[in-house]
């Protein structure tokens, strides 16, 4: 049994297990005490677990609040960054730098606002393009590996089927098969066309019984190195 000092973390881990999405890899442990300094209190998302164990559903809860106008784009971005960086040594510094690059969250809000509605693939591509370097809504420090995480949490519609926004980072790209398009040949900086090709492929793969018509489960399988050709 856990001792008194570790009991809160143990309970959080058990709660995280109950909160897992089908096919989701293990929960992300985040050293919140290293992230908090330098981040304004009003940027911290309400309701986020305070013991540093995060599941995707914890971030989706912030995304739901953002769509309802009860959370800000900066709060959603912070939740995504906490989940994405986890326990990496550079996570707190990069998080503060990204948030400082858009202190009012105006560019983040403008980029993500279309995702309050269900978008078709062309609209998803437009959101992706708007967040790339050199575009009006680009936020310094947010490249495709992280802004696709933002787009995923802000725009994914579970049980809706079809082409859905998904995470594309170095790890996922390295495990894509040839028929998923050329994104596998890069470790970053993917053109929007390569992201869209990957989304279309994942939507097709989601039709397999293994993935239950959820494209996100294809991405999870790639991330965990559990995807196999059907």
C-alpha atoms as a PDB file:
ATOM      1  CA  UNK A   1       0.000   0.000   0.000  1.00  0.00           C
ATOM      2  CA  UNK A   2       1.238   3.553  -0.680  1.00  0.00           C
ATOM      3  CA  UNK A   3       2.396   5.574   2.326  1.00  0.00           C
ATOM      4  CA  UNK A   4       0.886   8.902   3.367  1.00  0.00           C
ATOM      5  CA  UNK A   5       3.247  10.919   1.164  1.00  0.00           C
ATOM      6  CA  UNK A   6       2.518   8.977  -2.011  1.00  0.00           C
ATOM      7  CA  UNK A   7      -1.172   8.286  -1.399  1.00  0.00           C
ATOM      8  CA  UNK A   8      -2.495  11.341  -3.329  1.00  0.00           C
ATOM      9  CA  UNK A   9      -0.441  10.411  -6.384  1.00  0.00           C
ATOM     10  CA  UNK A  10      -1.579   6.773  -6.089  1.00  0.00           C
ATOM     11  CA  UNK A  11      -5.237   7.835  -5.938  1.00  0.00           C
ATOM     12  CA  UNK A  12      -4.692  10.095  -8.936  1.00  0.00           C
ATOM     13  CA  UNK A  13      -3.179   7.233 -10.902  1.00  0.00           C
ATOM     14  CA  UNK A  14      -6.149   5.010 -10.089  1.00  0.00           C
ATOM     15  CA  UNK A  15      -8.530   7.787 -11.143  1.00  0.00           C
ATOM     16  CA  UNK A  16      -6.549   8.240 -14.350  1.00  0.00           C
ATOM     17  CA  UNK A  17      -6.936   4.555 -15.132  1.00  0.00           C
ATOM     18  CA  UNK A  18     -10.715   4.930 -14.805  1.00  0.00           C
ATOM     19  CA  UNK A  19     -10.616   8.032 -17.025  1.00  0.00           C
ATOM     20  CA  UNK A  20      -8.684   6.434 -19.882  1.00  0.00           C
ATOM     21  CA  UNK A  21      -9.980   6.482 -23.439  1.00  0.00           C
ATOM     22  CA  UNK A  22     -10.074   3.165 -25.327  1.00  0.00           C
ATOM     23  CA  UNK A  23      -6.590   2.431 -26.618  1.00  0.00           C
ATOM     24  CA  UNK A  24      -4.995   5.330 -24.731  1.00  0.00           C
ATOM     25  CA  UNK A  25      -1.396   4.894 -23.551  1.00  0.00           C
ATOM     26  CA  UNK A  26      -0.609   5.351 -19.863  1.00  0.00           C
ATOM     27  CA  UNK A  27      -1.318   8.603 -18.004  1.00  0.00           C
ATOM     28  CA  UNK A  28       1.129  11.488 -18.224  1.00  0.00           C
ATOM     29  CA  UNK A  29       2.883  12.497 -15.016  1.00  0.00           C
ATOM     30  CA  UNK A  30       3.487  16.250 -14.850  1.00  0.00           C
ATOM     31  CA  UNK A  31       5.658  17.983 -12.209  1.00  0.00           C
ATOM     32  CA  UNK A  32       3.217  20.840 -11.689  1.00  0.00           C
ATOM     33  CA  UNK A  33       5.452  22.546  -9.134  1.00  0.00           C
ATOM     34  CA  UNK A  34       7.997  23.145 -11.911  1.00  0.00           C
ATOM     35  CA  UNK A  35       5.414  24.564 -14.317  1.00  0.00           C
ATOM     36  CA  UNK A  36       3.565  26.946 -11.982  1.00  0.00           C
ATOM     37  CA  UNK A  37       6.273  29.614 -11.443  1.00  0.00           C
ATOM     38  CA  UNK A  38       5.955  32.394 -13.984  1.00  0.00           C
ATOM     39  CA  UNK A  39       2.526  31.340 -15.256  1.00  0.00           C
ATOM     40  CA  UNK A  40      -0.283  33.784 -14.373  1.00  0.00           C
ATOM     41  CA  UNK A  41      -2.938  32.288 -12.108  1.00  0.00           C
ATOM     42  CA  UNK A  42      -5.699  33.165 -14.580  1.00  0.00           C
ATOM     43  CA  UNK A  43      -3.995  31.039 -17.239  1.00  0.00           C
ATOM     44  CA  UNK A  44      -4.267  27.895 -15.129  1.00  0.00           C
ATOM     45  CA  UNK A  45      -7.295  25.841 -16.282  1.00  0.00           C
ATOM     46  CA  UNK A  46     -10.033  25.356 -13.714  1.00  0.00           C
ATOM     47  CA  UNK A  47     -10.749  21.735 -12.882  1.00  0.00           C
ATOM     48  CA  UNK A  48      -7.426  20.356 -14.073  1.00  0.00           C
ATOM     49  CA  UNK A  49      -6.185  17.635 -11.681  1.00  0.00           C
ATOM     50  CA  UNK A  50      -3.823  19.233  -9.165  1.00  0.00           C
ATOM     51  CA  UNK A  51      -1.730  16.124  -8.465  1.00  0.00           C
ATOM     52  CA  UNK A  52       0.065  16.046 -11.801  1.00  0.00           C
ATOM     53  CA  UNK A  53      -1.410  12.947 -13.431  1.00  0.00           C
ATOM     54  CA  UNK A  54      -3.174  13.744 -16.704  1.00  0.00           C
ATOM     55  CA  UNK A  55      -5.240  11.765 -19.160  1.00  0.00           C
ATOM     56  CA  UNK A  56      -6.490  12.965 -22.526  1.00  0.00           C
ATOM     57  CA  UNK A  57      -9.975  13.311 -21.064  1.00  0.00           C
ATOM     58  CA  UNK A  58      -8.626  15.848 -18.566  1.00  0.00           C
ATOM     59  CA  UNK A  59      -7.479  18.008 -21.470  1.00  0.00           C
ATOM     60  CA  UNK A  60     -10.705  17.382 -23.392  1.00  0.00           C
ATOM     61  CA  UNK A  61     -12.617  18.720 -20.374  1.00  0.00           C
ATOM     62  CA  UNK A  62     -10.750  22.017 -20.751  1.00  0.00           C
ATOM     63  CA  UNK A  63     -11.469  21.952 -24.500  1.00  0.00           C
ATOM     64  CA  UNK A  64     -15.186  21.443 -23.795  1.00  0.00           C
ATOM     65  CA  UNK A  65     -15.120  24.439 -21.447  1.00  0.00           C
ATOM     66  CA  UNK A  66     -13.340  26.499 -24.113  1.00  0.00           C
ATOM     67  CA  UNK A  67     -15.980  25.622 -26.732  1.00  0.00           C
ATOM     68  CA  UNK A  68     -18.663  26.670 -24.247  1.00  0.00           C
ATOM     69  CA  UNK A  69     -16.936  30.006 -23.627  1.00  0.00           C
ATOM     70  CA  UNK A  70     -16.040  29.040 -20.049  1.00  0.00           C
ATOM     71  CA  UNK A  71     -12.289  28.716 -20.612  1.00  0.00           C
ATOM     72  CA  UNK A  72      -9.786  30.698 -22.660  1.00  0.00           C
ATOM     73  CA  UNK A  73      -7.571  29.623 -25.525  1.00  0.00           C
ATOM     74  CA  UNK A  74      -4.543  30.237 -23.286  1.00  0.00           C
ATOM     75  CA  UNK A  75      -5.965  27.926 -20.637  1.00  0.00           C
ATOM     76  CA  UNK A  76      -6.567  25.238 -23.235  1.00  0.00           C
ATOM     77  CA  UNK A  77      -3.069  25.747 -24.604  1.00  0.00           C
ATOM     78  CA  UNK A  78      -1.553  25.388 -21.150  1.00  0.00           C
ATOM     79  CA  UNK A  79      -3.473  22.150 -20.552  1.00  0.00           C
ATOM     80  CA  UNK A  80      -2.200  20.781 -23.870  1.00  0.00           C
ATOM     81  CA  UNK A  81       1.378  21.842 -23.115  1.00  0.00           C
ATOM     82  CA  UNK A  82       1.294  20.235 -19.671  1.00  0.00           C
ATOM     83  CA  UNK A  83       0.039  16.989 -21.174  1.00  0.00           C
ATOM     84  CA  UNK A  84       2.398  17.161 -24.134  1.00  0.00           C
ATOM     85  CA  UNK A  85       5.596  18.037 -22.290  1.00  0.00           C
ATOM     86  CA  UNK A  86       4.899  15.877 -19.244  1.00  0.00           C
ATOM     87  CA  UNK A  87       8.033  15.363 -17.196  1.00  0.00           C
ATOM     88  CA  UNK A  88      10.574  16.571 -19.746  1.00  0.00           C
ATOM     89  CA  UNK A  89      13.265  18.827 -18.321  1.00  0.00           C
ATOM     90  CA  UNK A  90      12.640  21.562 -20.887  1.00  0.00           C
ATOM     91  CA  UNK A  91       8.838  21.566 -20.619  1.00  0.00           C
ATOM     92  CA  UNK A  92       8.370  24.370 -18.065  1.00  0.00           C
ATOM     93  CA  UNK A  93      10.725  26.783 -19.856  1.00  0.00           C
ATOM     94  CA  UNK A  94       9.182  26.161 -23.274  1.00  0.00           C
ATOM     95  CA  UNK A  95       5.677  26.444 -21.868  1.00  0.00           C
ATOM     96  CA  UNK A  96       6.397  29.858 -20.367  1.00  0.00           C
ATOM     97  CA  UNK A  97       8.068  30.987 -23.595  1.00  0.00           C
ATOM     98  CA  UNK A  98       5.118  29.910 -25.755  1.00  0.00           C
ATOM     99  CA  UNK A  99       2.556  31.584 -23.499  1.00  0.00           C
ATOM    100  CA  UNK A 100       4.652  34.764 -23.377  1.00  0.00           C
ATOM    101  CA  UNK A 101       4.671  34.891 -27.179  1.00  0.00           C
ATOM    102  CA  UNK A 102       0.889  35.472 -27.163  1.00  0.00           C
ATOM    103  CA  UNK A 103       0.229  37.109 -23.776  1.00  0.00           C
ATOM    104  CA  UNK A 104      -3.413  37.955 -24.456  1.00  0.00           C
ATOM    105  CA  UNK A 105      -4.117  34.721 -26.326  1.00  0.00           C
ATOM    106  CA  UNK A 106      -5.492  36.624 -29.312  1.00  0.00           C
ATOM    107  CA  UNK A 107      -3.653  34.635 -31.973  1.00  0.00           C
ATOM    108  CA  UNK A 108      -4.443  31.348 -30.269  1.00  0.00           C
ATOM    109  CA  UNK A 109      -8.128  32.227 -30.066  1.00  0.00           C
ATOM    110  CA  UNK A 110      -8.263  33.374 -33.689  1.00  0.00           C
ATOM    111  CA  UNK A 111      -6.577  30.187 -34.890  1.00  0.00           C
ATOM    112  CA  UNK A 112      -8.695  27.799 -32.835  1.00  0.00           C
ATOM    113  CA  UNK A 113     -12.074  29.576 -33.057  1.00  0.00           C
ATOM    114  CA  UNK A 114     -13.223  27.718 -36.214  1.00  0.00           C
ATOM    115  CA  UNK A 115     -12.838  24.438 -34.306  1.00  0.00           C
ATOM    116  CA  UNK A 116     -15.834  25.260 -32.134  1.00  0.00           C
ATOM    117  CA  UNK A 117     -17.783  23.862 -35.085  1.00  0.00           C
ATOM    118  CA  UNK A 118     -17.292  20.518 -36.798  1.00  0.00           C
ATOM    119  CA  UNK A 119     -15.049  21.237 -39.804  1.00  0.00           C
ATOM    120  CA  UNK A 120     -14.529  19.454 -43.086  1.00  0.00           C
ATOM    121  CA  UNK A 121     -11.068  18.476 -44.222  1.00  0.00           C
ATOM    122  CA  UNK A 122     -10.466  21.681 -46.187  1.00  0.00           C
ATOM    123  CA  UNK A 123     -11.320  23.778 -43.142  1.00  0.00           C
ATOM    124  CA  UNK A 124      -9.034  21.652 -40.967  1.00  0.00           C
ATOM    125  CA  UNK A 125      -6.250  22.247 -43.450  1.00  0.00           C
ATOM    126  CA  UNK A 126      -6.913  26.000 -43.246  1.00  0.00           C
ATOM    127  CA  UNK A 127      -6.556  25.933 -39.448  1.00  0.00           C
ATOM    128  CA  UNK A 128      -3.281  24.016 -39.779  1.00  0.00           C
ATOM    129  CA  UNK A 129      -1.928  26.501 -42.314  1.00  0.00           C
ATOM    130  CA  UNK A 130      -2.940  29.472 -40.151  1.00  0.00           C
ATOM    131  CA  UNK A 131      -0.722  28.236 -37.313  1.00  0.00           C
ATOM    132  CA  UNK A 132       2.411  27.651 -39.374  1.00  0.00           C
ATOM    133  CA  UNK A 133       5.445  29.903 -39.176  1.00  0.00           C
ATOM    134  CA  UNK A 134       4.996  33.088 -41.183  1.00  0.00           C
ATOM    135  CA  UNK A 135       1.195  33.026 -40.901  1.00  0.00           C
ATOM    136  CA  UNK A 136      -0.844  35.609 -38.950  1.00  0.00           C
ATOM    137  CA  UNK A 137      -1.865  33.200 -36.194  1.00  0.00           C
ATOM    138  CA  UNK A 138       1.538  31.598 -35.675  1.00  0.00           C
ATOM    139  CA  UNK A 139       2.747  31.603 -32.077  1.00  0.00           C
ATOM    140  CA  UNK A 140       6.497  31.437 -31.667  1.00  0.00           C
ATOM    141  CA  UNK A 141       7.561  28.076 -30.265  1.00  0.00           C
ATOM    142  CA  UNK A 142       4.453  26.231 -31.483  1.00  0.00           C
ATOM    143  CA  UNK A 143       5.390  24.007 -34.402  1.00  0.00           C
ATOM    144  CA  UNK A 144       3.248  21.289 -35.993  1.00  0.00           C
ATOM    145  CA  UNK A 145       4.154  18.674 -33.374  1.00  0.00           C
ATOM    146  CA  UNK A 146       2.414  20.801 -30.744  1.00  0.00           C
ATOM    147  CA  UNK A 147      -0.153  22.800 -32.645  1.00  0.00           C
ATOM    148  CA  UNK A 148      -1.616  19.554 -34.023  1.00  0.00           C
ATOM    149  CA  UNK A 149      -2.117  18.557 -30.383  1.00  0.00           C
ATOM    150  CA  UNK A 150      -4.030  21.806 -29.887  1.00  0.00           C
ATOM    151  CA  UNK A 151      -6.077  21.241 -33.037  1.00  0.00           C
ATOM    152  CA  UNK A 152      -6.818  17.669 -31.949  1.00  0.00           C
ATOM    153  CA  UNK A 153      -8.095  18.581 -28.503  1.00  0.00           C
ATOM    154  CA  UNK A 154     -10.025  21.618 -29.741  1.00  0.00           C
ATOM    155  CA  UNK A 155     -11.544  19.934 -32.773  1.00  0.00           C
ATOM    156  CA  UNK A 156     -11.901  16.174 -32.322  1.00  0.00           C
ATOM    157  CA  UNK A 157     -15.514  14.951 -32.237  1.00  0.00           C
ATOM    158  CA  UNK A 158     -15.756  11.479 -30.771  1.00  0.00           C
ATOM    159  CA  UNK A 159     -18.318   9.128 -32.354  1.00  0.00           C
ATOM    160  CA  UNK A 160     -18.729  11.488 -35.321  1.00  0.00           C
ATOM    161  CA  UNK A 161     -16.641   9.400 -37.726  1.00  0.00           C
ATOM    162  CA  UNK A 162     -15.056  10.696 -40.904  1.00  0.00           C
ATOM    163  CA  UNK A 163     -11.835  12.680 -41.177  1.00  0.00           C
ATOM    164  CA  UNK A 164     -10.829  14.079 -37.792  1.00  0.00           C
ATOM    165  CA  UNK A 165      -7.927  16.270 -36.624  1.00  0.00           C
ATOM    166  CA  UNK A 166      -5.100  14.200 -35.165  1.00  0.00           C
ATOM    167  CA  UNK A 167      -1.709  14.658 -33.553  1.00  0.00           C
ATOM    168  CA  UNK A 168       1.298  14.454 -35.855  1.00  0.00           C
ATOM    169  CA  UNK A 169       4.648  14.532 -34.109  1.00  0.00           C
ATOM    170  CA  UNK A 170       8.032  12.936 -34.692  1.00  0.00           C
ATOM    171  CA  UNK A 171       7.107   9.724 -32.914  1.00  0.00           C
ATOM    172  CA  UNK A 172       3.837   9.217 -34.781  1.00  0.00           C
ATOM    173  CA  UNK A 173       5.359  10.165 -38.139  1.00  0.00           C
ATOM    174  CA  UNK A 174       8.208   7.681 -37.735  1.00  0.00           C
ATOM    175  CA  UNK A 175       5.701   4.838 -37.424  1.00  0.00           C
ATOM    176  CA  UNK A 176       3.459   5.687 -40.355  1.00  0.00           C
ATOM    177  CA  UNK A 177       3.350   3.061 -43.111  1.00  0.00           C
ATOM    178  CA  UNK A 178       4.007   3.958 -46.733  1.00  0.00           C
ATOM    179  CA  UNK A 179       0.314   4.103 -47.620  1.00  0.00           C
ATOM    180  CA  UNK A 180      -0.226   6.860 -45.023  1.00  0.00           C
ATOM    181  CA  UNK A 181       1.648   9.280 -47.257  1.00  0.00           C
ATOM    182  CA  UNK A 182       4.995  11.056 -47.135  1.00  0.00           C
ATOM    183  CA  UNK A 183       4.778  12.495 -43.597  1.00  0.00           C
ATOM    184  CA  UNK A 184       6.884   9.562 -42.388  1.00  0.00           C
ATOM    185  CA  UNK A 185       9.893  10.983 -44.249  1.00  0.00           C
ATOM    186  CA  UNK A 186      10.125  14.040 -41.977  1.00  0.00           C
ATOM    187  CA  UNK A 187      10.569  14.577 -38.265  1.00  0.00           C
ATOM    188  CA  UNK A 188       8.877  17.990 -38.273  1.00  0.00           C
ATOM    189  CA  UNK A 189       7.690  20.888 -40.404  1.00  0.00           C
ATOM    190  CA  UNK A 190       5.098  18.838 -42.276  1.00  0.00           C
ATOM    191  CA  UNK A 191       3.236  20.648 -45.076  1.00  0.00           C
ATOM    192  CA  UNK A 192      -0.522  20.758 -44.622  1.00  0.00           C
ATOM    193  CA  UNK A 193      -0.952  18.339 -47.525  1.00  0.00           C
ATOM    194  CA  UNK A 194       1.004  15.649 -45.657  1.00  0.00           C
ATOM    195  CA  UNK A 195      -1.058  16.142 -42.496  1.00  0.00           C
ATOM    196  CA  UNK A 196      -4.295  15.868 -44.479  1.00  0.00           C
ATOM    197  CA  UNK A 197      -3.101  12.723 -46.268  1.00  0.00           C
ATOM    198  CA  UNK A 198      -2.379  11.192 -42.865  1.00  0.00           C
ATOM    199  CA  UNK A 199      -5.836  12.212 -41.588  1.00  0.00           C
ATOM    200  CA  UNK A 200      -7.553  10.590 -44.564  1.00  0.00           C
ATOM    201  CA  UNK A 201      -5.549   7.399 -44.093  1.00  0.00           C
ATOM    202  CA  UNK A 202      -6.366   7.298 -40.364  1.00  0.00           C
ATOM    203  CA  UNK A 203     -10.070   7.757 -41.123  1.00  0.00           C
ATOM    204  CA  UNK A 204      -9.929   4.716 -43.394  1.00  0.00           C
ATOM    205  CA  UNK A 205      -8.008   2.691 -40.815  1.00  0.00           C
ATOM    206  CA  UNK A 206     -10.557   3.616 -38.149  1.00  0.00           C
ATOM    207  CA  UNK A 207     -13.084   1.423 -39.958  1.00  0.00           C
ATOM    208  CA  UNK A 208     -11.213  -1.649 -38.758  1.00  0.00           C
ATOM    209  CA  UNK A 209     -12.851  -3.370 -35.781  1.00  0.00           C
ATOM    210  CA  UNK A 210      -9.693  -2.786 -33.729  1.00  0.00           C
ATOM    211  CA  UNK A 211     -10.235   0.968 -33.801  1.00  0.00           C
ATOM    212  CA  UNK A 212     -14.010   1.211 -33.366  1.00  0.00           C
ATOM    213  CA  UNK A 213     -14.470   3.952 -35.995  1.00  0.00           C
ATOM    214  CA  UNK A 214     -12.296   6.362 -33.977  1.00  0.00           C
ATOM    215  CA  UNK A 215      -9.331   7.821 -35.908  1.00  0.00           C
ATOM    216  CA  UNK A 216      -7.713   8.890 -32.623  1.00  0.00           C
ATOM    217  CA  UNK A 217      -7.257   5.220 -31.756  1.00  0.00           C
ATOM    218  CA  UNK A 218      -5.160   4.841 -34.904  1.00  0.00           C
ATOM    219  CA  UNK A 219      -2.911   7.679 -33.731  1.00  0.00           C
ATOM    220  CA  UNK A 220      -2.701   6.128 -30.259  1.00  0.00           C
ATOM    221  CA  UNK A 221      -1.680   2.779 -31.741  1.00  0.00           C
ATOM    222  CA  UNK A 222       1.027   4.479 -33.784  1.00  0.00           C
ATOM    223  CA  UNK A 223       2.298   6.363 -30.746  1.00  0.00           C
ATOM    224  CA  UNK A 224       2.449   3.132 -28.720  1.00  0.00           C
ATOM    225  CA  UNK A 225       4.005   1.238 -31.635  1.00  0.00           C
ATOM    226  CA  UNK A 226       1.039  -1.134 -31.642  1.00  0.00           C
ATOM    227  CA  UNK A 227      -0.316  -0.405 -35.112  1.00  0.00           C
ATOM    228  CA  UNK A 228      -0.226  -3.338 -37.525  1.00  0.00           C
ATOM    229  CA  UNK A 229      -1.449  -3.585 -41.097  1.00  0.00           C
ATOM    230  CA  UNK A 230      -4.950  -5.003 -41.379  1.00  0.00           C
END
